[in-house]
Amino acid sequence: MNRRTIRRSAAALAIGLAAATAPAAIGATTASAAPYCGITWGSLAKTNATMNVTSVAGLRAGRHDCYDRLVIDQKGKATGYDVRYVSVVTQDGSGNPVPVAGGAALQVITRASRNTTAPAMPNVSGFTTFREVKWAGSFEGQSTIALGVRAKLPFRVLSYNDTATGTSRLVIDVAHKW
């Protein structure tokens, strides 16, 4: 090898090393970026098969800094649930579609029947993530709620028992973004 070939090889090696160790482009994201508000919930279905004699007492909704919340108040011990994104929520018993506003629909099934009439639905206008809440029926010991959300976003499901009052709550939180 002559000196010219050695210099070219050394220069090529230096350029390759510089490129390999250069910082990422401005604005590029990495896989280790912190999740929004520390949320790591995901968007896959959440289920619990617990069965108790429970009835839906009411629904309410709230806004938080990082997520919107739907609460299903129940008379009796906490019961099972099945919460998942679906293309269309279907009505219990008939299977008829229950369309809701938004870019995605969460089907919320609680293993609790309703009383004699459907509970009032909370007004979610002005919420960051929620777009609409509709009653989708009650049949054979379970009730379904259609929850329209802005987009398919991470969510979690929590269940609480209040032994002092004999009531329980099923809580669905949907993040404002990923």
C-alpha atoms as a PDB file:
ATOM      1  CA  MET A   1       0.000   0.000   0.000  1.00  0.00           C
ATOM      2  CA  ASN A   2       1.212   3.473  -0.730  1.00  0.00           C
ATOM      3  CA  ARG A   3       0.751   6.535   1.479  1.00  0.00           C
ATOM      4  CA  ARG A   4      -2.109   7.894  -0.636  1.00  0.00           C
ATOM      5  CA  THR A   5      -4.149   4.665  -0.233  1.00  0.00           C
ATOM      6  CA  ILE A   6      -3.466   4.608   3.515  1.00  0.00           C
ATOM      7  CA  ARG A   7      -4.619   8.237   3.898  1.00  0.00           C
ATOM      8  CA  ARG A   8      -7.841   7.524   1.944  1.00  0.00           C
ATOM      9  CA  SER A   9      -8.560   4.462   4.074  1.00  0.00           C
ATOM     10  CA  ALA A  10      -7.932   6.415   7.294  1.00  0.00           C
ATOM     11  CA  ALA A  11     -10.193   9.260   6.095  1.00  0.00           C
ATOM     12  CA  ALA A  12     -12.982   6.825   5.183  1.00  0.00           C
ATOM     13  CA  LEU A  13     -12.676   5.158   8.577  1.00  0.00           C
ATOM     14  CA  ALA A  14     -12.847   8.526  10.354  1.00  0.00           C
ATOM     15  CA  ILE A  15     -15.951   9.566   8.389  1.00  0.00           C
ATOM     16  CA  GLY A  16     -17.627   6.230   9.183  1.00  0.00           C
ATOM     17  CA  LEU A  17     -16.852   6.569  12.891  1.00  0.00           C
ATOM     18  CA  ALA A  18     -18.124  10.149  12.959  1.00  0.00           C
ATOM     19  CA  ALA A  19     -21.378   9.123  11.302  1.00  0.00           C
ATOM     20  CA  ALA A  20     -21.841   6.203  13.673  1.00  0.00           C
ATOM     21  CA  THR A  21     -21.318   8.325  16.774  1.00  0.00           C
ATOM     22  CA  ALA A  22     -23.080  11.501  15.597  1.00  0.00           C
ATOM     23  CA  PRO A  23     -26.059  12.657  17.660  1.00  0.00           C
ATOM     24  CA  ALA A  24     -29.564  11.938  16.349  1.00  0.00           C
ATOM     25  CA  ALA A  25     -31.181  14.485  14.080  1.00  0.00           C
ATOM     26  CA  ILE A  26     -32.858  17.420  15.740  1.00  0.00           C
ATOM     27  CA  GLY A  27     -36.454  16.537  16.584  1.00  0.00           C
ATOM     28  CA  ALA A  28     -35.871  12.791  16.284  1.00  0.00           C
ATOM     29  CA  THR A  29     -37.436  10.621  18.950  1.00  0.00           C
ATOM     30  CA  THR A  30     -36.009   7.547  20.574  1.00  0.00           C
ATOM     31  CA  ALA A  31     -37.604   4.385  21.862  1.00  0.00           C
ATOM     32  CA  SER A  32     -36.656   5.410  25.388  1.00  0.00           C
ATOM     33  CA  ALA A  33     -38.669   8.655  25.329  1.00  0.00           C
ATOM     34  CA  ALA A  34     -40.762   9.116  28.464  1.00  0.00           C
ATOM     35  CA  PRO A  35     -44.448   8.156  28.061  1.00  0.00           C
ATOM     36  CA  TYR A  36     -47.088  10.885  28.201  1.00  0.00           C
ATOM     37  CA  CYS A  37     -47.807  11.666  31.893  1.00  0.00           C
ATOM     38  CA  GLY A  38     -46.081   8.396  32.805  1.00  0.00           C
ATOM     39  CA  ILE A  39     -49.001   6.463  31.281  1.00  0.00           C
ATOM     40  CA  THR A  40     -48.098   2.917  30.203  1.00  0.00           C
ATOM     41  CA  TRP A  41     -51.606   1.430  29.933  1.00  0.00           C
ATOM     42  CA  GLY A  42     -51.884   0.390  26.284  1.00  0.00           C
ATOM     43  CA  SER A  43     -55.020  -0.058  24.192  1.00  0.00           C
ATOM     44  CA  LEU A  44     -55.637  -3.804  24.351  1.00  0.00           C
ATOM     45  CA  ALA A  45     -58.814  -5.270  25.892  1.00  0.00           C
ATOM     46  CA  LYS A  46     -59.085  -5.396  29.689  1.00  0.00           C
ATOM     47  CA  THR A  47     -61.287  -8.091  31.252  1.00  0.00           C
ATOM     48  CA  ASN A  48     -62.297  -9.544  34.608  1.00  0.00           C
ATOM     49  CA  ALA A  49     -64.672 -12.530  34.787  1.00  0.00           C
ATOM     50  CA  THR A  50     -65.912 -11.947  38.380  1.00  0.00           C
ATOM     51  CA  MET A  51     -69.685 -12.399  38.743  1.00  0.00           C
ATOM     52  CA  ASN A  52     -71.693 -10.806  41.578  1.00  0.00           C
ATOM     53  CA  VAL A  53     -75.325  -9.786  41.906  1.00  0.00           C
ATOM     54  CA  THR A  54     -74.948  -6.080  41.177  1.00  0.00           C
ATOM     55  CA  SER A  55     -76.920  -3.384  39.400  1.00  0.00           C
ATOM     56  CA  VAL A  56     -75.918  -0.157  37.683  1.00  0.00           C
ATOM     57  CA  ALA A  57     -76.886   2.822  39.852  1.00  0.00           C
ATOM     58  CA  GLY A  58     -75.564   5.633  37.654  1.00  0.00           C
ATOM     59  CA  LEU A  59     -72.839   6.979  35.406  1.00  0.00           C
ATOM     60  CA  ARG A  60     -70.656  10.064  35.732  1.00  0.00           C
ATOM     61  CA  ALA A  61     -67.630  11.478  33.980  1.00  0.00           C
ATOM     62  CA  GLY A  62     -64.711  13.693  34.936  1.00  0.00           C
ATOM     63  CA  ARG A  63     -61.751  15.462  33.364  1.00  0.00           C
ATOM     64  CA  HIS A  64     -58.191  15.156  34.664  1.00  0.00           C
ATOM     65  CA  ASP A  65     -54.863  16.603  33.512  1.00  0.00           C
ATOM     66  CA  CYS A  66     -53.783  13.477  31.627  1.00  0.00           C
ATOM     67  CA  TYR A  67     -57.003  11.520  30.997  1.00  0.00           C
ATOM     68  CA  ASP A  68     -60.810  11.588  30.940  1.00  0.00           C
ATOM     69  CA  ARG A  69     -62.666   9.309  33.367  1.00  0.00           C
ATOM     70  CA  LEU A  70     -65.969   7.416  33.175  1.00  0.00           C
ATOM     71  CA  VAL A  71     -67.349   6.027  36.449  1.00  0.00           C
ATOM     72  CA  ILE A  72     -70.113   3.414  36.627  1.00  0.00           C
ATOM     73  CA  ASP A  73     -71.630   3.419  40.109  1.00  0.00           C
ATOM     74  CA  GLN A  74     -73.048   0.050  41.151  1.00  0.00           C
ATOM     75  CA  LYS A  75     -75.230  -1.245  43.973  1.00  0.00           C
ATOM     76  CA  GLY A  76     -73.421  -4.262  45.418  1.00  0.00           C
ATOM     77  CA  LYS A  77     -69.914  -5.688  45.262  1.00  0.00           C
ATOM     78  CA  ALA A  78     -67.621  -4.931  42.338  1.00  0.00           C
ATOM     79  CA  THR A  79     -68.218  -7.226  39.443  1.00  0.00           C
ATOM     80  CA  GLY A  80     -66.475  -8.266  36.240  1.00  0.00           C
ATOM     81  CA  TYR A  81     -66.056  -6.278  33.059  1.00  0.00           C
ATOM     82  CA  ASP A  82     -64.905  -6.411  29.463  1.00  0.00           C
ATOM     83  CA  VAL A  83     -63.625  -3.138  27.999  1.00  0.00           C
ATOM     84  CA  ARG A  84     -62.228  -3.018  24.471  1.00  0.00           C
ATOM     85  CA  TYR A  85     -62.048  -1.008  21.273  1.00  0.00           C
ATOM     86  CA  VAL A  86     -64.530  -2.226  18.657  1.00  0.00           C
ATOM     87  CA  SER A  87     -65.504  -1.058  15.184  1.00  0.00           C
ATOM     88  CA  VAL A  88     -69.127  -0.664  16.352  1.00  0.00           C
ATOM     89  CA  VAL A  89     -70.636  -1.128  19.815  1.00  0.00           C
ATOM     90  CA  THR A  90     -73.652  -3.441  19.670  1.00  0.00           C
ATOM     91  CA  GLN A  91     -76.796  -3.314  21.768  1.00  0.00           C
ATOM     92  CA  ASP A  92     -77.296  -6.050  24.353  1.00  0.00           C
ATOM     93  CA  GLY A  93     -79.973  -8.546  23.337  1.00  0.00           C
ATOM     94  CA  SER A  94     -80.672  -7.260  19.806  1.00  0.00           C
ATOM     95  CA  GLY A  95     -77.158  -6.813  18.446  1.00  0.00           C
ATOM     96  CA  ASN A  96     -78.184  -3.526  16.823  1.00  0.00           C
ATOM     97  CA  PRO A  97     -75.335  -1.027  16.292  1.00  0.00           C
ATOM     98  CA  VAL A  98     -74.974   1.836  18.771  1.00  0.00           C
ATOM     99  CA  PRO A  99     -72.955   4.491  16.909  1.00  0.00           C
ATOM    100  CA  VAL A 100     -71.058   7.100  18.933  1.00  0.00           C
ATOM    101  CA  ALA A 101     -69.205  10.280  17.976  1.00  0.00           C
ATOM    102  CA  GLY A 102     -65.411  10.181  17.785  1.00  0.00           C
ATOM    103  CA  GLY A 103     -62.622   8.426  15.958  1.00  0.00           C
ATOM    104  CA  ALA A 104     -62.864   5.227  18.049  1.00  0.00           C
ATOM    105  CA  ALA A 105     -65.463   3.362  20.111  1.00  0.00           C
ATOM    106  CA  LEU A 106     -64.880   1.673  23.454  1.00  0.00           C
ATOM    107  CA  GLN A 107     -67.376  -1.039  24.346  1.00  0.00           C
ATOM    108  CA  VAL A 108     -67.737  -1.104  28.122  1.00  0.00           C
ATOM    109  CA  ILE A 109     -69.469  -4.210  29.479  1.00  0.00           C
ATOM    110  CA  THR A 110     -70.076  -4.518  33.195  1.00  0.00           C
ATOM    111  CA  ARG A 111     -71.409  -7.771  34.640  1.00  0.00           C
ATOM    112  CA  ALA A 112     -74.122  -5.749  36.355  1.00  0.00           C
ATOM    113  CA  SER A 113     -77.746  -5.466  35.319  1.00  0.00           C
ATOM    114  CA  ARG A 114     -79.613  -2.165  35.278  1.00  0.00           C
ATOM    115  CA  ASN A 115     -82.544  -1.306  37.471  1.00  0.00           C
ATOM    116  CA  THR A 116     -85.892  -0.639  35.766  1.00  0.00           C
ATOM    117  CA  THR A 117     -84.728   2.225  33.538  1.00  0.00           C
ATOM    118  CA  ALA A 118     -81.472   3.142  31.820  1.00  0.00           C
ATOM    119  CA  PRO A 119     -79.369   5.569  33.870  1.00  0.00           C
ATOM    120  CA  ALA A 120     -78.794   9.133  32.696  1.00  0.00           C
ATOM    121  CA  MET A 121     -75.715   9.517  30.520  1.00  0.00           C
ATOM    122  CA  PRO A 122     -73.082  12.087  31.504  1.00  0.00           C
ATOM    123  CA  ASN A 123     -72.514  15.136  29.314  1.00  0.00           C
ATOM    124  CA  VAL A 124     -68.941  14.966  27.990  1.00  0.00           C
ATOM    125  CA  SER A 125     -68.984  18.002  25.699  1.00  0.00           C
ATOM    126  CA  GLY A 126     -65.738  19.910  26.049  1.00  0.00           C
ATOM    127  CA  PHE A 127     -63.774  16.873  27.259  1.00  0.00           C
ATOM    128  CA  THR A 128     -60.304  16.340  25.786  1.00  0.00           C
ATOM    129  CA  THR A 129     -60.750  12.659  24.859  1.00  0.00           C
ATOM    130  CA  PHE A 130     -64.404  11.667  25.371  1.00  0.00           C
ATOM    131  CA  ARG A 131     -66.880  12.543  22.618  1.00  0.00           C
ATOM    132  CA  GLU A 132     -70.099  10.733  23.574  1.00  0.00           C
ATOM    133  CA  VAL A 133     -71.539   8.236  26.078  1.00  0.00           C
ATOM    134  CA  LYS A 134     -74.596   6.108  25.168  1.00  0.00           C
ATOM    135  CA  TRP A 135     -76.477   3.340  26.927  1.00  0.00           C
ATOM    136  CA  ALA A 136     -76.289   0.174  24.799  1.00  0.00           C
ATOM    137  CA  GLY A 137     -78.609  -1.959  26.884  1.00  0.00           C
ATOM    138  CA  SER A 138     -78.807  -4.519  29.623  1.00  0.00           C
ATOM    139  CA  PHE A 139     -79.459  -8.206  29.046  1.00  0.00           C
ATOM    140  CA  GLU A 140     -78.932 -11.418  31.012  1.00  0.00           C
ATOM    141  CA  GLY A 141     -77.096  -9.853  33.926  1.00  0.00           C
ATOM    142  CA  GLN A 142     -74.791  -7.507  32.064  1.00  0.00           C
ATOM    143  CA  SER A 143     -74.964  -3.919  30.851  1.00  0.00           C
ATOM    144  CA  THR A 144     -73.153  -2.244  27.976  1.00  0.00           C
ATOM    145  CA  ILE A 145     -72.108   1.367  27.537  1.00  0.00           C
ATOM    146  CA  ALA A 146     -70.826   2.821  24.254  1.00  0.00           C
ATOM    147  CA  LEU A 147     -68.026   5.319  24.838  1.00  0.00           C
ATOM    148  CA  GLY A 148     -66.987   7.423  21.842  1.00  0.00           C
ATOM    149  CA  VAL A 149     -63.434   8.753  22.113  1.00  0.00           C
ATOM    150  CA  ARG A 150     -61.320  11.091  19.977  1.00  0.00           C
ATOM    151  CA  ALA A 151     -58.955   8.303  18.832  1.00  0.00           C
ATOM    152  CA  LYS A 152     -57.787   4.828  19.830  1.00  0.00           C
ATOM    153  CA  LEU A 153     -55.813   5.844  22.924  1.00  0.00           C
ATOM    154  CA  PRO A 154     -54.408   4.018  25.969  1.00  0.00           C
ATOM    155  CA  PHE A 155     -56.930   3.178  28.691  1.00  0.00           C
ATOM    156  CA  ARG A 156     -57.115   1.446  32.052  1.00  0.00           C
ATOM    157  CA  VAL A 157     -59.939  -0.104  34.069  1.00  0.00           C
ATOM    158  CA  LEU A 158     -60.145   0.038  37.863  1.00  0.00           C
ATOM    159  CA  SER A 159     -62.690  -1.488  40.221  1.00  0.00           C
ATOM    160  CA  TYR A 160     -63.429  -0.353  43.783  1.00  0.00           C
ATOM    161  CA  ASN A 161     -65.597  -1.728  46.590  1.00  0.00           C
ATOM    162  CA  ASP A 162     -67.003   0.488  49.357  1.00  0.00           C
ATOM    163  CA  THR A 163     -67.764  -2.029  52.092  1.00  0.00           C
ATOM    164  CA  ALA A 164     -69.268   0.659  54.347  1.00  0.00           C
ATOM    165  CA  THR A 165     -72.061   1.452  51.874  1.00  0.00           C
ATOM    166  CA  GLY A 166     -72.254  -1.866  49.987  1.00  0.00           C
ATOM    167  CA  THR A 167     -71.582  -0.101  46.683  1.00  0.00           C
ATOM    168  CA  SER A 168     -68.847  -0.325  44.089  1.00  0.00           C
ATOM    169  CA  ARG A 169     -67.426   1.627  41.138  1.00  0.00           C
ATOM    170  CA  LEU A 170     -66.065   0.594  37.793  1.00  0.00           C
ATOM    171  CA  VAL A 171     -63.672   3.271  36.513  1.00  0.00           C
ATOM    172  CA  ILE A 172     -62.457   3.663  32.922  1.00  0.00           C
ATOM    173  CA  ASP A 173     -59.659   6.191  32.297  1.00  0.00           C
ATOM    174  CA  VAL A 174     -58.709   7.082  28.710  1.00  0.00           C
ATOM    175  CA  ALA A 175     -55.471   9.032  28.158  1.00  0.00           C
ATOM    176  CA  HIS A 176     -55.480  12.316  26.252  1.00  0.00           C
ATOM    177  CA  LYS A 177     -52.649  11.097  24.016  1.00  0.00           C
ATOM    178  CA  TRP A 178     -49.956   8.413  23.695  1.00  0.00           C
END
